[in-house]
Protein backbone atom coordinates (compact mmCIF):
# COMPACT_ATOMS: atom_id res chain seq x y z
CA UNK A 1 200.01 130.73 151.33
CA UNK A 2 200.58 127.83 154.17
CA UNK A 3 202.95 125.00 152.96
CA UNK A 4 201.85 121.50 153.90
CA UNK A 5 204.25 118.76 154.24
CA UNK A 6 202.54 115.07 154.67
CA UNK A 7 204.48 111.87 154.67
CA UNK A 8 202.49 108.49 154.39
CA UNK A 9 204.40 105.51 154.61
CA UNK A 10 201.79 102.56 154.10
CA UNK A 11 201.65 98.76 154.16
CA UNK A 12 200.51 97.14 151.21
CA UNK A 13 197.14 95.91 151.78
CA UNK A 14 198.26 92.40 151.12
CA UNK A 15 200.35 92.27 154.37
CA UNK A 16 197.37 92.45 156.36
CA UNK A 17 196.93 89.03 155.27
CA UNK A 18 200.48 87.98 156.88
CA UNK A 19 201.61 87.46 153.11
CA UNK A 20 205.17 87.34 152.02
CA UNK A 21 206.97 86.26 148.88
CA UNK A 22 210.27 86.77 146.78
CA UNK A 23 210.96 86.42 143.12
CA UNK A 24 212.51 83.23 141.94
CA UNK A 25 214.03 84.23 138.73
CA UNK A 26 217.56 85.16 137.97
CA UNK A 27 218.65 88.54 139.17
CA UNK A 28 221.16 90.61 136.56
CA UNK A 29 221.94 92.92 139.06
CA UNK A 30 222.15 93.80 142.87
CA UNK A 31 221.67 97.37 144.50
CA UNK A 32 224.23 97.87 147.12
CA UNK A 33 222.79 101.20 147.91
CA UNK A 34 219.75 103.50 146.77
CA UNK A 35 219.45 106.80 148.72
CA UNK A 36 217.11 109.47 147.66
CA UNK A 37 217.55 113.09 149.78
CA UNK A 38 214.91 115.47 149.41
CA UNK A 39 215.86 119.02 151.02
CA UNK A 40 213.48 121.78 151.44
CA UNK A 41 215.18 125.35 151.39
CA UNK A 42 214.30 128.55 153.07
CA UNK A 43 213.75 130.18 149.59
CA UNK A 44 210.99 127.69 148.93
CA UNK A 45 213.10 125.71 146.29
CA UNK A 46 213.77 122.21 146.46
CA UNK A 47 217.40 120.15 146.33
CA UNK A 48 216.45 116.29 145.60
CA UNK A 49 218.99 113.94 145.09
CA UNK A 50 219.49 110.39 144.22
CA UNK A 51 222.27 107.73 144.65
CA UNK A 52 222.83 104.51 143.19
CA UNK A 53 225.32 101.83 143.75
CA UNK A 54 224.54 98.93 141.67
CA UNK A 55 226.60 95.88 140.81
CA UNK A 56 226.28 93.97 137.70
CA UNK A 57 226.38 90.34 137.43
CA UNK A 58 224.96 88.84 134.00
CA UNK A 59 225.44 89.98 130.79
CA UNK A 60 221.88 91.48 130.18
CA UNK A 61 222.63 94.18 132.59
CA UNK A 62 225.89 95.24 130.35
CA UNK A 63 224.33 94.79 127.13
CA UNK A 64 220.23 95.45 127.13
CA UNK A 65 219.18 98.59 126.12
CA UNK A 66 218.30 101.12 128.57
CA UNK A 67 218.62 98.15 131.48
CA UNK A 68 221.29 99.01 133.78
CA UNK A 69 224.13 100.48 131.24
CA UNK A 70 222.70 103.54 130.82
CA UNK A 71 220.71 105.69 133.34
CA UNK A 72 217.81 108.41 131.99
CA UNK A 73 217.36 111.74 134.01
CA UNK A 74 214.02 113.64 133.42
CA UNK A 75 214.46 117.74 134.25
CA UNK A 76 213.15 120.68 132.50
CA UNK A 77 215.61 123.75 132.43
CA UNK A 78 212.91 126.02 132.82
CA UNK A 79 212.53 125.17 136.45
CA UNK A 80 215.07 122.72 137.13
CA UNK A 81 219.07 122.64 137.01
CA UNK A 82 220.66 119.11 136.86
CA UNK A 83 224.19 118.61 138.97
CA UNK A 84 226.15 115.44 138.48
CA UNK A 85 227.97 114.84 141.68
CA UNK A 86 229.32 111.75 140.82
CA UNK A 87 229.90 108.97 138.44
CA UNK A 88 232.36 106.25 137.90
CA UNK A 89 232.41 102.56 137.64
CA UNK A 90 234.55 100.60 139.71
CA UNK A 91 235.94 97.70 138.07
CA UNK A 92 236.39 93.92 139.60
CA UNK A 93 240.08 94.86 140.36
CA UNK A 94 239.15 97.90 142.41
CA UNK A 95 240.38 100.51 140.27
CA UNK A 96 237.97 103.30 139.17
CA UNK A 97 237.24 104.73 135.64
CA UNK A 98 235.61 107.84 135.45
CA UNK A 99 232.72 108.70 133.34
CA UNK A 100 234.06 110.51 130.36
CA UNK A 101 232.23 114.14 129.61
CA UNK A 102 230.90 112.55 126.27
CA UNK A 103 229.13 109.73 127.85
CA UNK A 104 226.65 112.48 129.21
CA UNK A 105 224.34 113.22 126.58
CA UNK A 106 220.83 115.57 126.71
CA UNK A 107 218.02 114.71 124.44
CA UNK A 108 214.22 114.99 123.89
CA UNK A 109 212.08 112.45 125.83
CA UNK A 110 210.49 110.36 123.82
CA UNK A 111 207.31 111.02 125.85
CA UNK A 112 207.47 114.64 124.70
CA UNK A 113 208.23 114.34 120.93
CA UNK A 114 204.33 114.14 119.73
CA UNK A 115 203.78 117.59 121.88
CA UNK A 116 205.40 120.63 120.74
CA UNK A 117 204.83 122.87 123.90
CA UNK A 118 206.69 120.01 126.26
CA UNK A 119 209.84 119.99 123.57
CA UNK A 120 211.64 122.31 126.15
CA UNK A 121 212.26 118.83 128.49
CA UNK A 122 215.33 116.98 128.28
CA UNK A 123 216.65 113.73 129.18
CA UNK A 124 220.36 113.38 130.36
CA UNK A 125 221.38 109.66 129.32
CA UNK A 126 224.47 108.87 131.01
CA UNK A 127 225.72 106.01 129.28
CA UNK A 128 228.22 104.13 131.72
CA UNK A 129 231.60 103.04 130.72
CA UNK A 130 234.40 100.23 131.62
CA UNK A 131 231.21 97.82 132.30
CA UNK A 132 232.44 93.94 133.15
CA UNK A 133 230.99 91.24 135.78
CA UNK A 134 231.09 92.14 139.11
CA UNK A 135 231.92 95.70 138.59
CA UNK A 136 230.00 98.73 140.43
CA UNK A 137 228.26 101.35 138.99
CA UNK A 138 228.16 104.61 141.01
CA UNK A 139 226.22 107.90 139.73
CA UNK A 140 225.14 110.83 142.39
CA UNK A 141 222.89 113.68 140.92
CA UNK A 142 221.20 116.69 142.33
CA UNK A 143 218.30 118.32 140.78
CA UNK A 144 217.72 121.95 141.96
CA UNK A 145 214.00 122.57 141.70
CA UNK A 146 212.05 125.87 141.70
CA UNK A 147 208.60 124.72 141.86
CA UNK A 148 205.22 125.17 144.85
CA UNK A 149 204.40 121.33 145.25
CA UNK A 150 206.29 117.95 145.56
CA UNK A 151 204.52 114.84 145.27
CA UNK A 152 206.70 111.87 145.72
CA UNK A 153 205.98 108.15 145.76
CA UNK A 154 208.99 106.01 146.31
CA UNK A 155 208.42 102.07 146.23
CA UNK A 156 211.06 100.40 148.38
CA UNK A 157 211.27 97.71 146.09
CA UNK A 158 212.95 97.36 142.17
CA UNK A 159 213.60 95.08 139.53
CA UNK A 160 216.65 93.63 140.83
CA UNK A 161 217.30 93.05 144.87
CA UNK A 162 218.25 96.12 147.14
CA UNK A 163 220.75 95.80 149.89
CA UNK A 164 220.28 99.12 151.55
CA UNK A 165 217.43 101.61 150.63
CA UNK A 166 217.38 105.22 152.49
CA UNK A 167 215.21 107.76 152.24
CA UNK A 168 215.74 111.05 153.64
CA UNK A 169 213.99 114.29 154.31
CA UNK A 170 214.13 117.52 155.15
CA UNK A 171 211.89 120.57 155.82
CA UNK A 172 212.70 124.05 157.45
CA UNK A 173 211.03 125.01 160.86
CA UNK A 174 207.48 126.11 160.73
CA UNK A 175 206.30 123.49 158.10
CA UNK A 176 203.09 121.76 159.09
CA UNK A 177 204.32 117.97 158.77
CA UNK A 178 203.19 114.87 159.98
CA UNK A 179 204.35 111.01 159.17
CA UNK A 180 202.95 107.85 159.31
CA UNK A 181 204.56 104.27 159.24
CA UNK A 182 203.30 100.97 159.83
CA UNK A 183 205.85 98.66 157.86
CA UNK A 184 208.26 96.85 159.59
CA UNK A 185 210.60 96.82 156.89
CA UNK A 186 211.25 100.37 156.73
CA UNK A 187 213.18 101.27 159.63
CA UNK A 188 212.72 105.41 161.12
CA UNK A 189 216.08 106.96 162.35
CA UNK A 190 215.76 109.02 164.69
CA UNK A 191 218.41 111.81 164.20
CA UNK A 192 218.65 115.43 163.05
CA UNK A 193 216.78 114.91 159.53
CA UNK A 194 213.19 115.50 159.69
CA UNK A 195 212.31 112.29 158.34
CA UNK A 196 215.29 109.31 157.85
CA UNK A 197 214.11 105.51 156.41
CA UNK A 198 216.45 102.79 156.01
CA UNK A 199 215.09 99.33 154.45
CA UNK A 200 217.44 96.87 154.08
CA UNK A 201 217.54 93.36 151.99
CA UNK A 202 215.07 93.81 150.06
CA UNK A 203 213.89 91.25 147.48
CA UNK A 204 213.40 91.70 144.04
CA UNK A 205 210.37 92.66 142.00
CA UNK A 206 208.09 89.74 140.80
CA UNK A 207 207.53 89.67 137.50
CA UNK A 208 204.43 87.28 137.34
CA UNK A 209 201.36 88.77 135.28
CA UNK A 210 198.32 90.13 136.44
CA UNK A 211 199.77 91.66 139.98
CA UNK A 212 197.83 94.03 141.67
CA UNK A 213 199.39 97.64 141.86
CA UNK A 214 202.50 97.67 143.23
CA UNK A 215 201.61 100.07 146.32
CA UNK A 216 199.49 96.61 146.95
CA UNK A 217 202.29 94.66 147.31
CA UNK A 218 205.25 96.46 148.34
CA UNK A 219 206.04 99.26 151.15
CA UNK A 220 206.08 102.19 149.88
CA UNK A 221 206.16 106.30 150.94
CA UNK A 222 204.59 109.38 149.71
CA UNK A 223 205.95 112.74 150.15
CA UNK A 224 203.62 115.80 149.79
CA UNK A 225 204.62 119.04 150.24
CA UNK A 226 202.75 122.42 149.04
CA UNK A 227 199.36 123.15 147.08
CA UNK A 228 198.22 120.62 144.52
CA UNK A 229 197.30 123.52 141.45
CA UNK A 230 194.88 121.35 139.95
CA UNK A 231 192.74 121.61 143.23
CA UNK A 232 192.46 125.49 142.15
CA UNK A 233 191.68 124.51 138.25
CA UNK A 234 188.91 122.13 138.97
CA UNK A 235 186.83 124.70 140.50
CA UNK A 236 187.30 127.30 137.71
CA UNK A 237 185.16 127.25 134.61
CA UNK A 238 186.44 127.75 130.96
CA UNK A 239 184.69 128.77 127.90
CA UNK A 240 185.80 126.89 124.65
CA UNK A 241 183.95 128.27 121.98
CA UNK A 242 186.41 126.14 119.49
CA UNK A 243 184.79 123.37 120.42
CA UNK A 244 181.60 124.07 119.60
CA UNK A 245 181.34 122.14 115.72
CA UNK A 246 182.84 119.08 117.86
CA UNK A 247 180.42 118.74 120.06
CA UNK A 248 177.69 118.98 117.56
CA UNK A 249 178.88 115.99 115.77
CA UNK A 250 179.48 114.22 119.18
CA UNK A 251 175.66 114.89 120.26
CA UNK A 252 173.32 112.43 121.21
CA UNK A 253 169.94 112.48 122.23
CA UNK A 254 170.65 110.42 125.20
CA UNK A 255 172.31 112.26 127.61
CA UNK A 256 174.54 109.87 129.20
CA UNK A 257 175.73 108.42 125.65
CA UNK A 258 176.35 111.75 124.80
CA UNK A 259 178.68 112.44 127.69
CA UNK A 260 180.56 109.09 127.02
CA UNK A 261 181.25 110.03 123.24
CA UNK A 262 182.77 113.42 124.39
CA UNK A 263 185.01 111.22 126.92
CA UNK A 264 185.52 108.70 124.13
CA UNK A 265 186.92 111.62 122.16
CA UNK A 266 189.05 113.06 124.39
CA UNK A 267 190.82 109.39 125.07
CA UNK A 268 191.00 108.74 121.16
CA UNK A 269 192.10 111.60 119.35
CA UNK A 270 194.08 113.63 122.01
CA UNK A 271 197.72 112.43 122.33
CA UNK A 272 198.83 111.44 125.68
CA UNK A 273 202.32 112.59 126.81
CA UNK A 274 202.89 110.79 129.97
CA UNK A 275 205.55 112.03 132.00
CA UNK A 276 206.25 113.02 135.69
CA UNK A 277 204.23 116.11 136.03
CA UNK A 278 207.02 117.19 138.45
CA UNK A 279 208.55 118.23 135.36
CA UNK A 280 206.12 120.84 134.67
CA UNK A 281 205.95 121.68 138.43
CA UNK A 282 202.13 119.86 138.41
CA UNK A 283 200.35 122.24 136.18
CA UNK A 284 197.45 121.60 133.88
CA UNK A 285 197.49 123.38 131.07
CA UNK A 286 194.17 125.67 130.14
CA UNK A 287 191.56 123.31 128.10
CA UNK A 288 192.09 125.48 124.82
CA UNK A 289 195.33 124.64 125.14
CA UNK A 290 195.02 120.90 125.16
CA UNK A 291 192.26 121.05 122.40
CA UNK A 292 194.10 123.13 119.87
CA UNK A 293 197.55 121.47 120.49
CA UNK A 294 195.49 118.00 120.53
CA UNK A 295 198.16 116.84 123.09
CA UNK A 296 198.52 116.77 127.04
CA UNK A 297 199.41 114.97 129.94
CA UNK A 298 196.58 112.78 131.69
CA UNK A 299 195.84 115.58 133.96
CA UNK A 300 195.26 118.24 130.79
CA UNK A 301 193.16 115.50 129.36
CA UNK A 302 191.20 115.28 132.47
CA UNK A 303 190.37 118.91 132.44
CA UNK A 304 189.70 119.37 129.08
CA UNK A 305 187.30 116.74 129.22
CA UNK A 306 185.07 118.28 132.15
CA UNK A 307 185.52 121.71 130.18
CA UNK A 308 184.00 120.04 127.34
CA UNK A 309 181.12 118.34 129.42
CA UNK A 310 180.32 121.66 130.84
CA UNK A 311 180.52 123.60 127.36
CA UNK A 312 177.86 120.63 126.17
CA UNK A 313 175.65 121.84 128.87
CA UNK A 314 176.52 119.41 131.92
CA UNK A 315 177.29 119.97 135.44
CA UNK A 316 180.65 118.50 135.23
CA UNK A 317 183.13 118.62 137.87
CA UNK A 318 186.31 116.52 139.03
CA UNK A 319 186.68 116.93 143.09
CA UNK A 320 189.54 114.33 143.70
CA UNK A 321 191.81 114.51 140.65
CA UNK A 322 191.70 110.53 140.37
CA UNK A 323 190.66 110.15 137.02
CA UNK A 324 186.86 110.06 137.54
CA UNK A 325 184.66 112.67 136.58
CA UNK A 326 181.03 113.17 137.65
CA UNK A 327 178.47 114.67 135.49
CA UNK A 328 174.57 115.12 136.20
CA UNK A 329 171.15 114.44 133.89
CA UNK A 330 167.88 114.99 134.22
CA UNK A 331 166.27 111.57 133.68
CA UNK A 332 162.31 110.97 134.37
CA UNK A 333 161.95 114.28 136.67
CA UNK A 334 165.00 113.24 138.27
CA UNK A 335 168.47 114.83 138.84
CA UNK A 336 170.87 111.87 138.45
CA UNK A 337 174.68 111.72 138.99
CA UNK A 338 177.31 109.73 136.71
CA UNK A 339 180.81 108.73 137.10
CA UNK A 340 183.28 108.44 134.08
CA UNK A 341 186.47 107.51 133.79
CA UNK A 342 189.31 109.29 131.63
CA UNK A 343 191.66 106.32 132.60
CA UNK A 344 189.84 104.01 130.19
CA UNK A 345 186.75 103.68 128.57
CA UNK A 346 184.39 101.64 130.76
CA UNK A 347 180.74 102.74 130.57
CA UNK A 348 178.99 105.52 132.87
CA UNK A 349 178.13 104.40 136.26
CA UNK A 350 175.44 105.96 138.02
CA UNK A 351 176.22 107.06 141.78
CA UNK A 352 175.14 104.48 144.74
CA UNK A 353 174.67 101.61 142.38
CA UNK A 354 175.92 98.63 143.77
CA UNK A 355 179.14 97.72 142.61
CA UNK A 356 178.44 94.05 142.22
CA UNK A 357 175.95 95.15 139.84
CA UNK A 358 178.34 96.50 137.51
CA UNK A 359 180.16 93.57 137.37
CA UNK A 360 177.18 91.28 136.30
CA UNK A 361 176.22 89.91 133.35
CA UNK A 362 173.63 87.63 132.26
CA UNK A 363 173.08 86.77 128.74
CA UNK A 364 170.13 83.87 127.48
CA UNK A 365 170.17 83.79 123.57
CA UNK A 366 169.43 81.58 120.90
CA UNK A 367 172.03 81.76 118.09
CA UNK A 368 173.10 79.83 114.79
CA UNK A 369 175.72 77.85 114.15
CA UNK A 370 178.95 79.96 113.08
CA UNK A 371 181.80 77.36 112.69
CA UNK A 372 185.32 77.56 111.30
CA UNK A 373 185.57 74.75 109.13
CA UNK A 374 188.35 71.91 110.51
CA UNK A 375 188.44 69.62 107.27
CA UNK A 376 187.11 66.62 107.25
CA UNK A 377 183.43 67.31 107.81
CA UNK A 378 184.55 68.84 111.34
CA UNK A 379 183.82 72.59 112.31
CA UNK A 380 184.58 74.47 115.45
CA UNK A 381 182.70 77.47 116.78
CA UNK A 382 183.67 80.27 119.49
CA UNK A 383 181.15 81.44 121.80
CA UNK A 384 180.84 85.26 121.96
CA UNK A 385 182.72 87.53 124.28
CA UNK A 386 180.30 90.36 126.14
CA UNK A 387 181.69 93.37 126.91
CA UNK A 388 183.35 93.60 130.23
CA UNK A 389 183.92 89.90 130.80
CA UNK A 390 186.32 88.29 132.52
CA UNK A 391 190.12 88.51 131.02
CA UNK A 392 192.55 85.90 132.05
CA UNK A 393 194.39 84.17 129.69
CA UNK A 394 195.74 80.82 131.19
CA UNK A 395 198.48 80.44 129.20
CA UNK A 396 200.26 83.30 131.47
CA UNK A 397 199.12 81.40 134.28
CA UNK A 398 202.45 79.34 135.55
CA UNK A 399 201.92 76.07 137.48
CA UNK A 400 203.10 77.13 140.64
CA UNK A 401 202.78 81.46 141.91
CA UNK A 402 204.27 83.27 144.76
CA UNK A 403 202.98 86.68 144.23
CA UNK A 404 198.85 87.74 144.32
CA UNK A 405 197.12 87.97 141.08
CA UNK A 406 194.44 90.75 140.61
CA UNK A 407 191.41 90.11 139.29
CA UNK A 408 188.00 91.75 138.36
CA UNK A 409 185.07 90.08 140.55
CA UNK A 410 182.81 88.91 138.34
CA UNK A 411 179.35 87.24 138.37
CA UNK A 412 178.56 85.79 134.80
CA UNK A 413 176.00 83.69 133.46
CA UNK A 414 175.36 82.58 130.09
CA UNK A 415 172.79 80.25 128.51
CA UNK A 416 173.26 79.87 125.00
CA UNK A 417 171.17 77.29 122.34
CA UNK A 418 173.19 77.03 119.39
CA UNK A 419 170.88 75.97 116.31
CA UNK A 420 171.74 73.86 112.83
CA UNK A 421 174.95 73.06 114.48
CA UNK A 422 175.30 69.14 113.68
CA UNK A 423 177.11 66.14 116.02
CA UNK A 424 178.63 67.44 119.02
CA UNK A 425 182.39 65.88 119.12
CA UNK A 426 182.89 64.26 122.31
CA UNK A 427 181.15 63.67 125.61
CA UNK A 428 178.72 66.16 127.12
CA UNK A 429 180.73 68.56 129.49
CA UNK A 430 179.39 68.94 133.33
CA UNK A 431 181.85 71.04 135.47
CA UNK A 432 180.06 72.31 138.66
CA UNK A 433 182.23 73.32 142.13
CA UNK A 434 182.57 75.65 144.55
CA UNK A 435 185.83 77.04 146.32
CA UNK A 436 185.25 78.88 149.34
CA UNK A 437 186.92 82.42 149.42
CA UNK A 438 186.95 81.87 145.63
CA UNK A 439 184.13 81.69 143.93
CA UNK A 440 181.98 78.91 141.99
CA UNK A 441 182.10 77.62 138.39
CA UNK A 442 179.39 75.47 136.16
CA UNK A 443 179.44 74.35 132.92
CA UNK A 444 177.27 72.65 130.68
CA UNK A 445 177.56 71.73 127.38
CA UNK A 446 175.45 68.94 125.79
CA UNK A 447 173.18 67.84 122.61
CA UNK A 448 169.73 69.14 122.85
CA UNK A 449 167.87 67.39 120.29
CA UNK A 450 167.55 68.15 116.19
CA UNK A 451 170.95 69.24 116.05
CA UNK A 452 171.08 71.92 118.34
CA UNK A 453 173.78 72.53 121.34
CA UNK A 454 172.71 73.75 124.82
CA UNK A 455 175.50 75.43 126.54
CA UNK A 456 175.39 76.87 129.96
CA UNK A 457 178.34 78.62 131.40
CA UNK A 458 178.47 80.61 134.82
CA UNK A 459 181.67 82.00 136.53
CA UNK A 460 181.22 83.66 139.90
CA UNK A 461 184.76 85.06 141.39
CA UNK A 462 184.42 86.92 144.82
CA UNK A 463 187.58 87.66 146.53
CA UNK A 464 188.32 90.73 149.19
CA UNK A 465 189.59 93.80 147.22
CA UNK A 466 189.56 91.49 143.55
CA UNK A 467 193.12 90.07 145.11
CA UNK A 468 193.41 85.98 144.63
CA UNK A 469 196.05 84.99 147.45
CA UNK A 470 198.39 82.03 146.48
CA UNK A 471 196.69 79.69 148.85
CA UNK A 472 194.08 80.03 146.12
CA UNK A 473 195.96 80.02 143.29
CA UNK A 474 195.69 76.46 141.72
CA UNK A 475 192.33 76.47 142.27
CA UNK A 476 191.59 79.53 140.14
CA UNK A 477 194.19 78.70 137.44
CA UNK A 478 191.86 75.25 137.20
CA UNK A 479 188.84 77.59 136.60
CA UNK A 480 190.34 79.61 134.31
CA UNK A 481 191.26 76.62 132.33
CA UNK A 482 188.09 75.30 132.51
CA UNK A 483 186.32 78.56 131.54
CA UNK A 484 188.66 78.88 128.43
CA UNK A 485 188.27 75.81 126.98
CA UNK A 486 184.97 75.30 127.33
CA UNK A 487 184.54 78.48 125.24
CA UNK A 488 184.71 76.31 121.88
CA UNK A 489 182.28 73.74 120.68
CA UNK A 490 183.33 71.32 118.11
CA UNK A 491 180.79 69.41 116.07
CA UNK A 492 180.67 67.12 112.88
CA UNK A 493 178.59 67.49 110.21
CA UNK A 494 174.98 65.98 109.70
CA UNK A 495 173.29 65.68 106.24
CA UNK A 496 171.38 68.64 105.94
CA UNK A 497 173.51 70.79 108.55
CA UNK A 498 176.08 73.04 107.57
CA UNK A 499 179.36 72.97 109.23
CA UNK A 500 180.23 76.62 107.98
CA UNK A 501 177.97 79.86 107.87
């Protein structure tokens, strides 16, 4: 079998906008060095080494559980051999303190506690000793791995600054090999290694909320060696008669609802054991194993969902291993293809439907007053929340922001007539503005006669790739504040009109 070795070094999408930022929160520590080494041996085994030299600066780095005072190394004794090469602490006065033998503890990872078939996986805890301000922890270990695939993504960013980040890759002659690098911060070193990448003076990661995926912000490198076994199993058909009774309970006449019920059952009832698939050589358990053990990795659950859909009579497949499953149904004499996500419980989407249509919400309703009694004859009502509507809490949006913000583009229009409300408290609300490159907002809340209140709320967010850039942030934050504030209406009772129902 031909081995494929591919390296992808990608610039984050946002760098295309010439965007840079640095985190402003205080740092607990800083890495003097992080070095990752990947060596593919002639017999197909791999040696994966990791070295860190980290300087502790604040008390939290020393005392906070599972932060910098401990290191957790996941490995599978069935296919891995873990070797600690070096482990010591350099104190502020320059003296060196070796990590004692009783500071190395093997335990069952928390991710594996509720799935018996993964109880052989281990987590080596290294409890670092002689910790004090300005000490330097040095840890170097190697995992000798017997496996057919390596799929590793390395992000050139950590939760504290990194002075030097180094990645080395060695593969035997004859491997099919290609490399791509387009990020200026990551330098390619031409030496005896197949790949030698070095990045220096990296800022720490931002902790601001609602950020895009890390790979859209920071440079990263991805290594792929070997063939993914899921591409083979996904082409197979597996009978699962053990699930016939369950499928009968989930059955609905509408095929899309039936398929969605199957996906929801796996999502809600099969326990997820979410650990790096490297630990199980990227293997996917048979659907029967996952179903009977009621647990599995996200990949296991994905394959189980495909198998159950097929057992229920759907033509279902997962070609791209990205958490999306396609299935076919007959509607009005036509064969239609739908897509279901196994990463979340969003509704099935008809293939070929415009994405913008999927984000549109249009509601026009007459609703009764259903307010919360505030006392003194006053009552407050919160307007209904529709499924799929924008969900950004303005309380989590700081006044200033340097990082981009991930948002789901939306086109939402609501028109409510609230009956039997009472006298509206305060002046009518009238907001209408458009921000170029961001979107628009329109809000109108006013009495409409005979104790009714007319509410119009419209919000359109349309930014490239669903990413709000820092220069747009203040306008976006103001939109979210207005949008959230206008979701409640306060009234004073009138004779004959209750303030609470």
